[in-house]
Amino acid sequence: MTTEYTFNDGIRHDYVANVKDKNMTNEFTAKLTVLRVKEWIGAVNLYRVYLDNVEIGRIANGQEVTFQIKPGRHNFHVNDTFNLPLTGKVPFEVGEGEHYAFAVYYQGGLNPLRSFAAEGMKLC
């Protein structure tokens, strides 16, 4: 069965839940916050946010989005509007009830497509 996904709210509801989603099931007990630092490089492009190679949403310049995710080991990365990789895959682990956050920003360099970083940290 093929499911059509819309990104009007920026969330892949089959894979993650928005923290505002009142129909959220109990399996999404951890949080992932993604902050896209506001910068002039790529300012008009939406970045594609990936968790375990699944696009879970898109994020605008200066935007912060929080997702409810399943606890466990995950890989995080971000691609640009044209689906070119901006960051490498960053592994992280989050437990039940824990909150992990990533900041995505331009770190400089000659090739703008390879000059972005994603730094993560456990918040609680």
PDB file of N, CA and C in Angstrom:
ATOM      1  N   MET A   1       0.844  -1.180   0.000  1.00  0.00           N
ATOM      2  CA  MET A   1       0.000   0.000   0.000  1.00  0.00           C
ATOM      3  C   MET A   1       0.889   1.243   0.000  1.00  0.00           C
ATOM      4  N   THR A   2       0.632   2.153  -0.917  1.00  0.00           N
ATOM      5  CA  THR A   2       1.399   3.384  -1.003  1.00  0.00           C
ATOM      6  C   THR A   2       0.634   4.499  -0.305  1.00  0.00           C
ATOM      7  N   THR A   3       1.329   5.227   0.534  1.00  0.00           N
ATOM      8  CA  THR A   3       0.715   6.338   1.241  1.00  0.00           C
ATOM      9  C   THR A   3       1.291   7.629   0.716  1.00  0.00           C
ATOM     10  N   GLU A   4       0.429   8.577   0.438  1.00  0.00           N
ATOM     11  CA  GLU A   4       0.879   9.897  -0.004  1.00  0.00           C
ATOM     12  C   GLU A   4       1.162  10.735   1.246  1.00  0.00           C
ATOM     13  N   TYR A   5       2.318  11.370   1.285  1.00  0.00           N
ATOM     14  CA  TYR A   5       2.677  12.208   2.419  1.00  0.00           C
ATOM     15  C   TYR A   5       2.692  13.651   1.979  1.00  0.00           C
ATOM     16  N   THR A   6       2.134  14.498   2.789  1.00  0.00           N
ATOM     17  CA  THR A   6       2.208  15.928   2.525  1.00  0.00           C
ATOM     18  C   THR A   6       3.084  16.547   3.595  1.00  0.00           C
ATOM     19  N   PHE A   7       3.764  17.604   3.235  1.00  0.00           N
ATOM     20  CA  PHE A   7       4.656  18.267   4.173  1.00  0.00           C
ATOM     21  C   PHE A   7       4.112  19.639   4.548  1.00  0.00           C
ATOM     22  N   ASN A   8       2.786  19.789   4.485  1.00  0.00           N
ATOM     23  CA  ASN A   8       2.200  21.087   4.838  1.00  0.00           C
ATOM     24  C   ASN A   8       2.551  21.480   6.263  1.00  0.00           C
ATOM     25  N   ASP A   9       2.592  20.495   7.154  1.00  0.00           N
ATOM     26  CA  ASP A   9       2.969  20.793   8.529  1.00  0.00           C
ATOM     27  C   ASP A   9       4.406  20.373   8.823  1.00  0.00           C
ATOM     28  N   GLY A  10       5.123  19.855   7.802  1.00  0.00           N
ATOM     29  CA  GLY A  10       6.529  19.519   7.958  1.00  0.00           C
ATOM     30  C   GLY A  10       6.796  18.222   8.693  1.00  0.00           C
ATOM     31  N   ILE A  11       5.793  17.371   8.872  1.00  0.00           N
ATOM     32  CA  ILE A  11       5.957  16.173   9.689  1.00  0.00           C
ATOM     33  C   ILE A  11       5.594  14.927   8.893  1.00  0.00           C
ATOM     34  N   ARG A  12       6.424  13.886   8.992  1.00  0.00           N
ATOM     35  CA  ARG A  12       6.092  12.558   8.464  1.00  0.00           C
ATOM     36  C   ARG A  12       5.382  11.810   9.586  1.00  0.00           C
ATOM     37  N   HIS A  13       4.068  11.822   9.588  1.00  0.00           N
ATOM     38  CA  HIS A  13       3.305  11.276  10.716  1.00  0.00           C
ATOM     39  C   HIS A  13       3.419   9.766  10.876  1.00  0.00           C
ATOM     40  N   ASP A  14       3.886   9.062   9.838  1.00  0.00           N
ATOM     41  CA  ASP A  14       4.064   7.624   9.991  1.00  0.00           C
ATOM     42  C   ASP A  14       5.368   7.282  10.709  1.00  0.00           C
ATOM     43  N   TYR A  15       6.287   8.239  10.813  1.00  0.00           N
ATOM     44  CA  TYR A  15       7.611   7.963  11.354  1.00  0.00           C
ATOM     45  C   TYR A  15       7.919   8.727  12.636  1.00  0.00           C
ATOM     46  N   VAL A  16       7.419   9.931  12.732  1.00  0.00           N
ATOM     47  CA  VAL A  16       7.595  10.749  13.927  1.00  0.00           C
ATOM     48  C   VAL A  16       6.268  11.441  14.203  1.00  0.00           C
ATOM     49  N   ALA A  17       6.153  12.017  15.366  1.00  0.00           N
ATOM     50  CA  ALA A  17       4.956  12.764  15.714  1.00  0.00           C
ATOM     51  C   ALA A  17       5.354  14.178  16.103  1.00  0.00           C
ATOM     52  N   ASN A  18       4.516  15.122  15.769  1.00  0.00           N
ATOM     53  CA  ASN A  18       4.726  16.496  16.191  1.00  0.00           C
ATOM     54  C   ASN A  18       4.351  16.589  17.659  1.00  0.00           C
ATOM     55  N   VAL A  19       5.077  17.369  18.445  1.00  0.00           N
ATOM     56  CA  VAL A  19       4.771  17.471  19.873  1.00  0.00           C
ATOM     57  C   VAL A  19       3.376  18.034  20.106  1.00  0.00           C
ATOM     58  N   LYS A  20       2.792  18.699  19.114  1.00  0.00           N
ATOM     59  CA  LYS A  20       1.433  19.234  19.241  1.00  0.00           C
ATOM     60  C   LYS A  20       0.374  18.217  18.808  1.00  0.00           C
ATOM     61  N   ASP A  21       0.795  17.038  18.335  1.00  0.00           N
ATOM     62  CA  ASP A  21      -0.119  16.020  17.821  1.00  0.00           C
ATOM     63  C   ASP A  21      -0.835  15.336  18.978  1.00  0.00           C
ATOM     64  N   LYS A  22      -2.135  15.564  19.092  1.00  0.00           N
ATOM     65  CA  LYS A  22      -2.909  15.002  20.191  1.00  0.00           C
ATOM     66  C   LYS A  22      -3.191  13.508  20.001  1.00  0.00           C
ATOM     67  N   ASN A  23      -3.004  12.991  18.774  1.00  0.00           N
ATOM     68  CA  ASN A  23      -3.237  11.572  18.496  1.00  0.00           C
ATOM     69  C   ASN A  23      -1.955  10.752  18.590  1.00  0.00           C
ATOM     70  N   MET A  24      -0.935  11.300  19.199  1.00  0.00           N
ATOM     71  CA  MET A  24       0.363  10.646  19.296  1.00  0.00           C
ATOM     72  C   MET A  24       0.250   9.345  20.095  1.00  0.00           C
ATOM     73  N   THR A  25       0.891   8.289  19.607  1.00  0.00           N
ATOM     74  CA  THR A  25       0.868   7.017  20.325  1.00  0.00           C
ATOM     75  C   THR A  25       1.991   6.990  21.350  1.00  0.00           C
ATOM     76  N   ASN A  26       1.935   6.009  22.242  1.00  0.00           N
ATOM     77  CA  ASN A  26       2.915   5.913  23.332  1.00  0.00           C
ATOM     78  C   ASN A  26       4.309   5.519  22.879  1.00  0.00           C
ATOM     79  N   GLU A  27       4.478   5.054  21.630  1.00  0.00           N
ATOM     80  CA  GLU A  27       5.806   4.622  21.187  1.00  0.00           C
ATOM     81  C   GLU A  27       6.757   5.784  20.943  1.00  0.00           C
ATOM     82  N   PHE A  28       6.240   7.011  20.773  1.00  0.00           N
ATOM     83  CA  PHE A  28       7.070   8.183  20.526  1.00  0.00           C
ATOM     84  C   PHE A  28       7.328   8.887  21.854  1.00  0.00           C
ATOM     85  N   THR A  29       8.246   8.348  22.649  1.00  0.00           N
ATOM     86  CA  THR A  29       8.435   8.847  24.011  1.00  0.00           C
ATOM     87  C   THR A  29       9.701   9.675  24.193  1.00  0.00           C
ATOM     88  N   ALA A  30      10.440   9.905  23.114  1.00  0.00           N
ATOM     89  CA  ALA A  30      11.642  10.745  23.172  1.00  0.00           C
ATOM     90  C   ALA A  30      11.410  11.962  22.283  1.00  0.00           C
ATOM     91  N   LYS A  31      12.217  12.988  22.471  1.00  0.00           N
ATOM     92  CA  LYS A  31      12.088  14.209  21.675  1.00  0.00           C
ATOM     93  C   LYS A  31      13.367  14.496  20.902  1.00  0.00           C
ATOM     94  N   LEU A  32      13.195  15.047  19.707  1.00  0.00           N
ATOM     95  CA  LEU A  32      14.301  15.519  18.881  1.00  0.00           C
ATOM     96  C   LEU A  32      13.977  16.940  18.445  1.00  0.00           C
ATOM     97  N   THR A  33      14.839  17.883  18.803  1.00  0.00           N
ATOM     98  CA  THR A  33      14.665  19.271  18.380  1.00  0.00           C
ATOM     99  C   THR A  33      15.752  19.612  17.371  1.00  0.00           C
ATOM    100  N   VAL A  34      15.361  20.259  16.287  1.00  0.00           N
ATOM    101  CA  VAL A  34      16.298  20.693  15.254  1.00  0.00           C
ATOM    102  C   VAL A  34      16.192  22.206  15.138  1.00  0.00           C
ATOM    103  N   LEU A  35      17.318  22.884  15.313  1.00  0.00           N
ATOM    104  CA  LEU A  35      17.398  24.331  15.156  1.00  0.00           C
ATOM    105  C   LEU A  35      18.238  24.630  13.937  1.00  0.00           C
ATOM    106  N   ARG A  36      17.663  25.357  13.003  1.00  0.00           N
ATOM    107  CA  ARG A  36      18.442  25.829  11.861  1.00  0.00           C
ATOM    108  C   ARG A  36      18.846  27.264  12.167  1.00  0.00           C
ATOM    109  N   VAL A  37      20.121  27.452  12.403  1.00  0.00           N
ATOM    110  CA  VAL A  37      20.637  28.774  12.753  1.00  0.00           C
ATOM    111  C   VAL A  37      20.367  29.731  11.595  1.00  0.00           C
ATOM    112  N   LYS A  38      19.864  30.910  11.903  1.00  0.00           N
ATOM    113  CA  LYS A  38      19.524  31.892  10.876  1.00  0.00           C
ATOM    114  C   LYS A  38      20.793  32.486  10.277  1.00  0.00           C
ATOM    115  N   GLU A  39      20.957  32.289   8.946  1.00  0.00           N
ATOM    116  CA  GLU A  39      22.142  32.760   8.239  1.00  0.00           C
ATOM    117  C   GLU A  39      21.755  33.183   6.829  1.00  0.00           C
ATOM    118  N   TRP A  40      22.619  33.935   6.173  1.00  0.00           N
ATOM    119  CA  TRP A  40      22.316  34.372   4.816  1.00  0.00           C
ATOM    120  C   TRP A  40      22.599  33.284   3.784  1.00  0.00           C
ATOM    121  N   ILE A  41      23.501  32.336   4.070  1.00  0.00           N
ATOM    122  CA  ILE A  41      23.793  31.235   3.144  1.00  0.00           C
ATOM    123  C   ILE A  41      22.565  30.331   3.059  1.00  0.00           C
ATOM    124  N   GLY A  42      22.007  30.201   1.878  1.00  0.00           N
ATOM    125  CA  GLY A  42      20.848  29.335   1.673  1.00  0.00           C
ATOM    126  C   GLY A  42      19.598  29.791   2.386  1.00  0.00           C
ATOM    127  N   ALA A  43      19.499  31.081   2.654  1.00  0.00           N
ATOM    128  CA  ALA A  43      18.411  31.599   3.478  1.00  0.00           C
ATOM    129  C   ALA A  43      17.017  31.308   2.919  1.00  0.00           C
ATOM    130  N   VAL A  44      16.861  31.271   1.616  1.00  0.00           N
ATOM    131  CA  VAL A  44      15.526  31.075   1.042  1.00  0.00           C
ATOM    132  C   VAL A  44      15.179  29.599   0.846  1.00  0.00           C
ATOM    133  N   ASN A  45      16.135  28.705   1.049  1.00  0.00           N
ATOM    134  CA  ASN A  45      15.893  27.278   0.833  1.00  0.00           C
ATOM    135  C   ASN A  45      15.398  26.595   2.105  1.00  0.00           C
ATOM    136  N   LEU A  46      14.485  25.644   1.922  1.00  0.00           N
ATOM    137  CA  LEU A  46      14.092  24.773   3.020  1.00  0.00           C
ATOM    138  C   LEU A  46      15.093  23.636   3.100  1.00  0.00           C
ATOM    139  N   TYR A  47      15.479  23.268   4.301  1.00  0.00           N
ATOM    140  CA  TYR A  47      16.362  22.121   4.478  1.00  0.00           C
ATOM    141  C   TYR A  47      15.500  20.902   4.787  1.00  0.00           C
ATOM    142  N   ARG A  48      15.889  19.760   4.224  1.00  0.00           N
ATOM    143  CA  ARG A  48      15.198  18.500   4.467  1.00  0.00           C
ATOM    144  C   ARG A  48      15.850  17.806   5.653  1.00  0.00           C
ATOM    145  N   VAL A  49      15.066  17.469   6.650  1.00  0.00           N
ATOM    146  CA  VAL A  49      15.550  16.836   7.869  1.00  0.00           C
ATOM    147  C   VAL A  49      15.315  15.331   7.765  1.00  0.00           C
ATOM    148  N   TYR A  50      16.377  14.544   8.006  1.00  0.00           N
ATOM    149  CA  TYR A  50      16.299  13.087   7.896  1.00  0.00           C
ATOM    150  C   TYR A  50      16.624  12.429   9.222  1.00  0.00           C
ATOM    151  N   LEU A  51      15.847  11.411   9.547  1.00  0.00           N
ATOM    152  CA  LEU A  51      16.116  10.559  10.689  1.00  0.00           C
ATOM    153  C   LEU A  51      16.148   9.129  10.175  1.00  0.00           C
ATOM    154  N   ASP A  52      17.271   8.461  10.298  1.00  0.00           N
ATOM    155  CA  ASP A  52      17.440   7.083   9.810  1.00  0.00           C
ATOM    156  C   ASP A  52      17.092   6.966   8.329  1.00  0.00           C
ATOM    157  N   ASN A  53      17.568   7.932   7.538  1.00  0.00           N
ATOM    158  CA  ASN A  53      17.383   7.972   6.084  1.00  0.00           C
ATOM    159  C   ASN A  53      15.943   8.186   5.649  1.00  0.00           C
ATOM    160  N   VAL A  54      15.066   8.632   6.544  1.00  0.00           N
ATOM    161  CA  VAL A  54      13.681   8.946   6.217  1.00  0.00           C
ATOM    162  C   VAL A  54      13.488  10.448   6.405  1.00  0.00           C
ATOM    163  N   GLU A  55      12.997  11.120   5.363  1.00  0.00           N
ATOM    164  CA  GLU A  55      12.734  12.554   5.493  1.00  0.00           C
ATOM    165  C   GLU A  55      11.550  12.751   6.423  1.00  0.00           C
ATOM    166  N   ILE A  56      11.801  13.426   7.555  1.00  0.00           N
ATOM    167  CA  ILE A  56      10.750  13.605   8.557  1.00  0.00           C
ATOM    168  C   ILE A  56      10.163  15.009   8.547  1.00  0.00           C
ATOM    169  N   GLY A  57      10.791  15.922   7.827  1.00  0.00           N
ATOM    170  CA  GLY A  57      10.266  17.276   7.771  1.00  0.00           C
ATOM    171  C   GLY A  57      11.204  18.202   7.037  1.00  0.00           C
ATOM    172  N   ARG A  58      10.768  19.444   6.941  1.00  0.00           N
ATOM    173  CA  ARG A  58      11.571  20.487   6.310  1.00  0.00           C
ATOM    174  C   ARG A  58      11.607  21.682   7.252  1.00  0.00           C
ATOM    175  N   ILE A  59      12.731  22.395   7.214  1.00  0.00           N
ATOM    176  CA  ILE A  59      12.926  23.472   8.179  1.00  0.00           C
ATOM    177  C   ILE A  59      13.432  24.718   7.460  1.00  0.00           C
ATOM    178  N   ALA A  60      12.852  25.847   7.798  1.00  0.00           N
ATOM    179  CA  ALA A  60      13.199  27.131   7.188  1.00  0.00           C
ATOM    180  C   ALA A  60      14.335  27.795   7.961  1.00  0.00           C
ATOM    181  N   ASN A  61      14.903  28.821   7.361  1.00  0.00           N
ATOM    182  CA  ASN A  61      15.993  29.583   7.967  1.00  0.00           C
ATOM    183  C   ASN A  61      15.541  30.167   9.308  1.00  0.00           C
ATOM    184  N   GLY A  62      16.300  29.892  10.360  1.00  0.00           N
ATOM    185  CA  GLY A  62      15.992  30.420  11.685  1.00  0.00           C
ATOM    186  C   GLY A  62      14.899  29.668  12.425  1.00  0.00           C
ATOM    187  N   GLN A  63      14.371  28.604  11.860  1.00  0.00           N
ATOM    188  CA  GLN A  63      13.272  27.866  12.478  1.00  0.00           C
ATOM    189  C   GLN A  63      13.783  26.789  13.427  1.00  0.00           C
ATOM    190  N   GLU A  64      12.974  26.481  14.430  1.00  0.00           N
ATOM    191  CA  GLU A  64      13.243  25.391  15.368  1.00  0.00           C
ATOM    192  C   GLU A  64      12.012  24.487  15.376  1.00  0.00           C
ATOM    193  N   VAL A  65      12.232  23.180  15.213  1.00  0.00           N
ATOM    194  CA  VAL A  65      11.134  22.223  15.174  1.00  0.00           C
ATOM    195  C   VAL A  65      11.439  21.095  16.151  1.00  0.00           C
ATOM    196  N   THR A  66      10.427  20.661  16.895  1.00  0.00           N
ATOM    197  CA  THR A  66      10.583  19.544  17.818  1.00  0.00           C
ATOM    198  C   THR A  66       9.693  18.399  17.361  1.00  0.00           C
ATOM    199  N   PHE A  67      10.278  17.200  17.317  1.00  0.00           N
ATOM    200  CA  PHE A  67       9.570  15.987  16.936  1.00  0.00           C
ATOM    201  C   PHE A  67       9.536  15.035  18.118  1.00  0.00           C
ATOM    202  N   GLN A  68       8.489  14.254  18.240  1.00  0.00           N
ATOM    203  CA  GLN A  68       8.452  13.120  19.158  1.00  0.00           C
ATOM    204  C   GLN A  68       8.967  11.936  18.353  1.00  0.00           C
ATOM    205  N   ILE A  69       9.935  11.215  18.877  1.00  0.00           N
ATOM    206  CA  ILE A  69      10.520  10.075  18.154  1.00  0.00           C
ATOM    207  C   ILE A  69      10.553   8.853  19.061  1.00  0.00           C
ATOM    208  N   LYS A  70      10.839   7.711  18.457  1.00  0.00           N
ATOM    209  CA  LYS A  70      10.986   6.486  19.226  1.00  0.00           C
ATOM    210  C   LYS A  70      12.369   6.481  19.883  1.00  0.00           C
ATOM    211  N   PRO A  71      12.465   6.015  21.129  1.00  0.00           N
ATOM    212  CA  PRO A  71      13.778   5.899  21.765  1.00  0.00           C
ATOM    213  C   PRO A  71      14.654   4.902  21.011  1.00  0.00           C
ATOM    214  N   GLY A  72      15.964   5.078  21.140  1.00  0.00           N
ATOM    215  CA  GLY A  72      16.903   4.151  20.525  1.00  0.00           C
ATOM    216  C   GLY A  72      18.016   4.865  19.799  1.00  0.00           C
ATOM    217  N   ARG A  73      18.754   4.088  19.000  1.00  0.00           N
ATOM    218  CA  ARG A  73      19.855   4.634  18.199  1.00  0.00           C
ATOM    219  C   ARG A  73      19.303   5.136  16.871  1.00  0.00           C
ATOM    220  N   HIS A  74      19.778   6.312  16.476  1.00  0.00           N
ATOM    221  CA  HIS A  74      19.309   6.931  15.241  1.00  0.00           C
ATOM    222  C   HIS A  74      20.485   7.581  14.512  1.00  0.00           C
ATOM    223  N   ASN A  75      20.265   7.903  13.248  1.00  0.00           N
ATOM    224  CA  ASN A  75      21.188   8.708  12.454  1.00  0.00           C
ATOM    225  C   ASN A  75      20.438   9.937  11.969  1.00  0.00           C
ATOM    226  N   PHE A  76      21.078  11.094  12.093  1.00  0.00           N
ATOM    227  CA  PHE A  76      20.483  12.378  11.711  1.00  0.00           C
ATOM    228  C   PHE A  76      21.311  12.994  10.600  1.00  0.00           C
ATOM    229  N   HIS A  77      20.657  13.558   9.606  1.00  0.00           N
ATOM    230  CA  HIS A  77      21.368  14.381   8.624  1.00  0.00           C
ATOM    231  C   HIS A  77      20.395  15.337   7.948  1.00  0.00           C
ATOM    232  N   VAL A  78      20.958  16.319   7.244  1.00  0.00           N
ATOM    233  CA  VAL A  78      20.172  17.359   6.584  1.00  0.00           C
ATOM    234  C   VAL A  78      20.625  17.490   5.136  1.00  0.00           C
ATOM    235  N   ASN A  79      19.665  17.579   4.244  1.00  0.00           N
ATOM    236  CA  ASN A  79      19.927  17.849   2.824  1.00  0.00           C
ATOM    237  C   ASN A  79      19.308  19.193   2.468  1.00  0.00           C
ATOM    238  N   ASP A  80      19.743  19.764   1.328  1.00  0.00           N
ATOM    239  CA  ASP A  80      19.171  21.038   0.903  1.00  0.00           C
ATOM    240  C   ASP A  80      17.907  20.794   0.082  1.00  0.00           C
ATOM    241  N   THR A  81      17.345  21.883  -0.451  1.00  0.00           N
ATOM    242  CA  THR A  81      16.113  21.819  -1.231  1.00  0.00           C
ATOM    243  C   THR A  81      16.227  20.855  -2.401  1.00  0.00           C
ATOM    244  N   PHE A  82      17.402  20.770  -3.003  1.00  0.00           N
ATOM    245  CA  PHE A  82      17.618  19.923  -4.175  1.00  0.00           C
ATOM    246  C   PHE A  82      18.055  18.511  -3.780  1.00  0.00           C
ATOM    247  N   ASN A  83      17.960  18.207  -2.483  1.00  0.00           N
ATOM    248  CA  ASN A  83      18.296  16.913  -1.899  1.00  0.00           C
ATOM    249  C   ASN A  83      19.791  16.583  -1.967  1.00  0.00           C
ATOM    250  N   LEU A  84      20.625  17.606  -2.030  1.00  0.00           N
ATOM    251  CA  LEU A  84      22.076  17.424  -1.932  1.00  0.00           C
ATOM    252  C   LEU A  84      22.463  17.436  -0.455  1.00  0.00           C
ATOM    253  N   PRO A  85      23.365  16.561  -0.025  1.00  0.00           N
ATOM    254  CA  PRO A  85      23.706  16.491   1.399  1.00  0.00           C
ATOM    255  C   PRO A  85      24.420  17.742   1.896  1.00  0.00           C
ATOM    256  N   LEU A  86      23.942  18.262   3.017  1.00  0.00           N
ATOM    257  CA  LEU A  86      24.604  19.394   3.666  1.00  0.00           C
ATOM    258  C   LEU A  86      25.441  18.929   4.843  1.00  0.00           C
ATOM    259  N   THR A  87      24.989  17.906   5.519  1.00  0.00           N
ATOM    260  CA  THR A  87      25.736  17.379   6.659  1.00  0.00           C
ATOM    261  C   THR A  87      25.958  15.888   6.452  1.00  0.00           C
ATOM    262  N   GLY A  88      26.951  15.358   7.106  1.00  0.00           N
ATOM    263  CA  GLY A  88      27.111  13.914   7.135  1.00  0.00           C
ATOM    264  C   GLY A  88      26.093  13.317   8.089  1.00  0.00           C
ATOM    265  N   LYS A  89      26.020  11.999   8.106  1.00  0.00           N
ATOM    266  CA  LYS A  89      25.120  11.325   9.031  1.00  0.00           C
ATOM    267  C   LYS A  89      25.739  11.337  10.417  1.00  0.00           C
ATOM    268  N   VAL A  90      24.963  11.812  11.375  1.00  0.00           N
ATOM    269  CA  VAL A  90      25.438  11.937  12.749  1.00  0.00           C
ATOM    270  C   VAL A  90      24.669  10.938  13.615  1.00  0.00           C
ATOM    271  N   PRO A  91      25.359   9.930  14.149  1.00  0.00           N
ATOM    272  CA  PRO A  91      24.671   8.964  15.009  1.00  0.00           C
ATOM    273  C   PRO A  91      24.420   9.548  16.398  1.00  0.00           C
ATOM    274  N   PHE A  92      23.280   9.165  16.979  1.00  0.00           N
ATOM    275  CA  PHE A  92      22.990   9.560  18.355  1.00  0.00           C
ATOM    276  C   PHE A  92      22.046   8.535  18.961  1.00  0.00           C
ATOM    277  N   GLU A  93      21.979   8.541  20.273  1.00  0.00           N
ATOM    278  CA  GLU A  93      21.076   7.629  20.977  1.00  0.00           C
ATOM    279  C   GLU A  93      20.279   8.430  21.990  1.00  0.00           C
ATOM    280  N   VAL A  94      18.995   8.150  22.037  1.00  0.00           N
ATOM    281  CA  VAL A  94      18.109   8.852  22.958  1.00  0.00           C
ATOM    282  C   VAL A  94      17.229   7.814  23.651  1.00  0.00           C
ATOM    283  N   GLY A  95      17.092   7.969  24.956  1.00  0.00           N
ATOM    284  CA  GLY A  95      16.303   7.022  25.736  1.00  0.00           C
ATOM    285  C   GLY A  95      14.873   7.495  25.923  1.00  0.00           C
ATOM    286  N   GLU A  96      14.082   6.642  26.520  1.00  0.00           N
ATOM    287  CA  GLU A  96      12.688   6.965  26.791  1.00  0.00           C
ATOM    288  C   GLU A  96      12.607   8.197  27.688  1.00  0.00           C
ATOM    289  N   GLY A  97      11.830   9.171  27.272  1.00  0.00           N
ATOM    290  CA  GLY A  97      11.660  10.406  28.035  1.00  0.00           C
ATOM    291  C   GLY A  97      12.783  11.415  27.857  1.00  0.00           C
ATOM    292  N   GLU A  98      13.817  11.077  27.099  1.00  0.00           N
ATOM    293  CA  GLU A  98      14.948  11.988  26.900  1.00  0.00           C
ATOM    294  C   GLU A  98      14.703  12.918  25.713  1.00  0.00           C
ATOM    295  N   HIS A  99      15.491  13.981  25.669  1.00  0.00           N
ATOM    296  CA  HIS A  99      15.366  15.023  24.644  1.00  0.00           C
ATOM    297  C   HIS A  99      16.749  15.271  24.050  1.00  0.00           C
ATOM    298  N   TYR A 100      16.847  15.178  22.730  1.00  0.00           N
ATOM    299  CA  TYR A 100      18.102  15.408  22.028  1.00  0.00           C
ATOM    300  C   TYR A 100      17.886  16.569  21.069  1.00  0.00           C
ATOM    301  N   ALA A 101      18.913  17.393  20.872  1.00  0.00           N
ATOM    302  CA  ALA A 101      18.780  18.555  19.997  1.00  0.00           C
ATOM    303  C   ALA A 101      19.969  18.670  19.062  1.00  0.00           C
ATOM    304  N   PHE A 102      19.701  19.157  17.848  1.00  0.00           N
ATOM    305  CA  PHE A 102      20.733  19.440  16.862  1.00  0.00           C
ATOM    306  C   PHE A 102      20.619  20.883  16.410  1.00  0.00           C
ATOM    307  N   ALA A 103      21.762  21.531  16.248  1.00  0.00           N
ATOM    308  CA  ALA A 103      21.836  22.841  15.603  1.00  0.00           C
ATOM    309  C   ALA A 103      22.530  22.641  14.264  1.00  0.00           C
ATOM    310  N   VAL A 104      21.923  23.135  13.200  1.00  0.00           N
ATOM    311  CA  VAL A 104      22.490  23.020  11.856  1.00  0.00           C
ATOM    312  C   VAL A 104      22.919  24.413  11.429  1.00  0.00           C
ATOM    313  N   TYR A 105      24.176  24.552  10.986  1.00  0.00           N
ATOM    314  CA  TYR A 105      24.693  25.873  10.650  1.00  0.00           C
ATOM    315  C   TYR A 105      25.804  25.771   9.610  1.00  0.00           C
ATOM    316  N   TYR A 106      26.086  26.884   8.967  1.00  0.00           N
ATOM    317  CA  TYR A 106      27.165  27.005   7.992  1.00  0.00           C
ATOM    318  C   TYR A 106      28.463  27.216   8.757  1.00  0.00           C
ATOM    319  N   GLN A 107      29.478  26.405   8.463  1.00  0.00           N
ATOM    320  CA  GLN A 107      30.755  26.537   9.174  1.00  0.00           C
ATOM    321  C   GLN A 107      31.869  27.087   8.300  1.00  0.00           C
ATOM    322  N   GLY A 108      31.565  27.484   7.084  1.00  0.00           N
ATOM    323  CA  GLY A 108      32.564  28.052   6.196  1.00  0.00           C
ATOM    324  C   GLY A 108      33.242  27.001   5.350  1.00  0.00           C
ATOM    325  N   GLY A 109      33.934  27.454   4.339  1.00  0.00           N
ATOM    326  CA  GLY A 109      34.639  26.535   3.456  1.00  0.00           C
ATOM    327  C   GLY A 109      34.461  26.925   2.003  1.00  0.00           C
ATOM    328  N   LEU A 110      35.245  26.327   1.143  1.00  0.00           N
ATOM    329  CA  LEU A 110      35.201  26.662  -0.277  1.00  0.00           C
ATOM    330  C   LEU A 110      34.008  26.055  -0.988  1.00  0.00           C
ATOM    331  N   ASN A 111      33.551  24.895  -0.557  1.00  0.00           N
ATOM    332  CA  ASN A 111      32.405  24.245  -1.179  1.00  0.00           C
ATOM    333  C   ASN A 111      31.207  24.360  -0.248  1.00  0.00           C
ATOM    334  N   PRO A 112      30.241  25.250  -0.548  1.00  0.00           N
ATOM    335  CA  PRO A 112      29.121  25.457   0.365  1.00  0.00           C
ATOM    336  C   PRO A 112      28.301  24.199   0.620  1.00  0.00           C
ATOM    337  N   LEU A 113      28.303  23.247  -0.323  1.00  0.00           N
ATOM    338  CA  LEU A 113      27.531  22.026  -0.112  1.00  0.00           C
ATOM    339  C   LEU A 113      28.194  21.083   0.884  1.00  0.00           C
ATOM    340  N   ARG A 114      29.445  21.314   1.207  1.00  0.00           N
ATOM    341  CA  ARG A 114      30.152  20.464   2.166  1.00  0.00           C
ATOM    342  C   ARG A 114      30.628  21.270   3.377  1.00  0.00           C
ATOM    343  N   SER A 115      30.063  22.437   3.558  1.00  0.00           N
ATOM    344  CA  SER A 115      30.558  23.340   4.587  1.00  0.00           C
ATOM    345  C   SER A 115      29.548  23.571   5.705  1.00  0.00           C
ATOM    346  N   PHE A 116      28.669  22.621   5.913  1.00  0.00           N
ATOM    347  CA  PHE A 116      27.670  22.754   6.961  1.00  0.00           C
ATOM    348  C   PHE A 116      27.957  21.751   8.068  1.00  0.00           C
ATOM    349  N   ALA A 117      27.500  22.043   9.259  1.00  0.00           N
ATOM    350  CA  ALA A 117      27.711  21.164  10.390  1.00  0.00           C
ATOM    351  C   ALA A 117      26.389  20.936  11.114  1.00  0.00           C
ATOM    352  N   ALA A 118      26.284  19.788  11.747  1.00  0.00           N
ATOM    353  CA  ALA A 118      25.148  19.478  12.623  1.00  0.00           C
ATOM    354  C   ALA A 118      25.742  19.012  13.944  1.00  0.00           C
ATOM    355  N   GLU A 119      25.547  19.792  14.977  1.00  0.00           N
ATOM    356  CA  GLU A 119      26.066  19.442  16.294  1.00  0.00           C
ATOM    357  C   GLU A 119      24.884  19.086  17.186  1.00  0.00           C
ATOM    358  N   GLY A 120      25.023  17.952  17.863  1.00  0.00           N
ATOM    359  CA  GLY A 120      23.937  17.499  18.724  1.00  0.00           C
ATOM    360  C   GLY A 120      24.348  17.378  20.161  1.00  0.00           C
ATOM    361  N   MET A 121      23.335  17.433  21.027  1.00  0.00           N
ATOM    362  CA  MET A 121      23.557  17.245  22.459  1.00  0.00           C
ATOM    363  C   MET A 121      22.290  16.781  23.127  1.00  0.00           C
ATOM    364  N   LYS A 122      22.462  15.973  24.166  1.00  0.00           N
ATOM    365  CA  LYS A 122      21.320  15.508  24.952  1.00  0.00           C
ATOM    366  C   LYS A 122      20.933  16.617  25.906  1.00  0.00           C
ATOM    367  N   LEU A 123      19.638  16.959  25.909  1.00  0.00           N
ATOM    368  CA  LEU A 123      19.171  18.040  26.779  1.00  0.00           C
ATOM    369  C   LEU A 123      18.745  17.535  28.153  1.00  0.00           C
ATOM    370  N   CYS A 124      18.221  16.346  28.208  1.00  0.00           N
ATOM    371  CA  CYS A 124      17.835  15.767  29.510  1.00  0.00           C
ATOM    372  C   CYS A 124      17.669  14.284  29.391  1.00  0.00           C
TER     373      CYS A 124
END
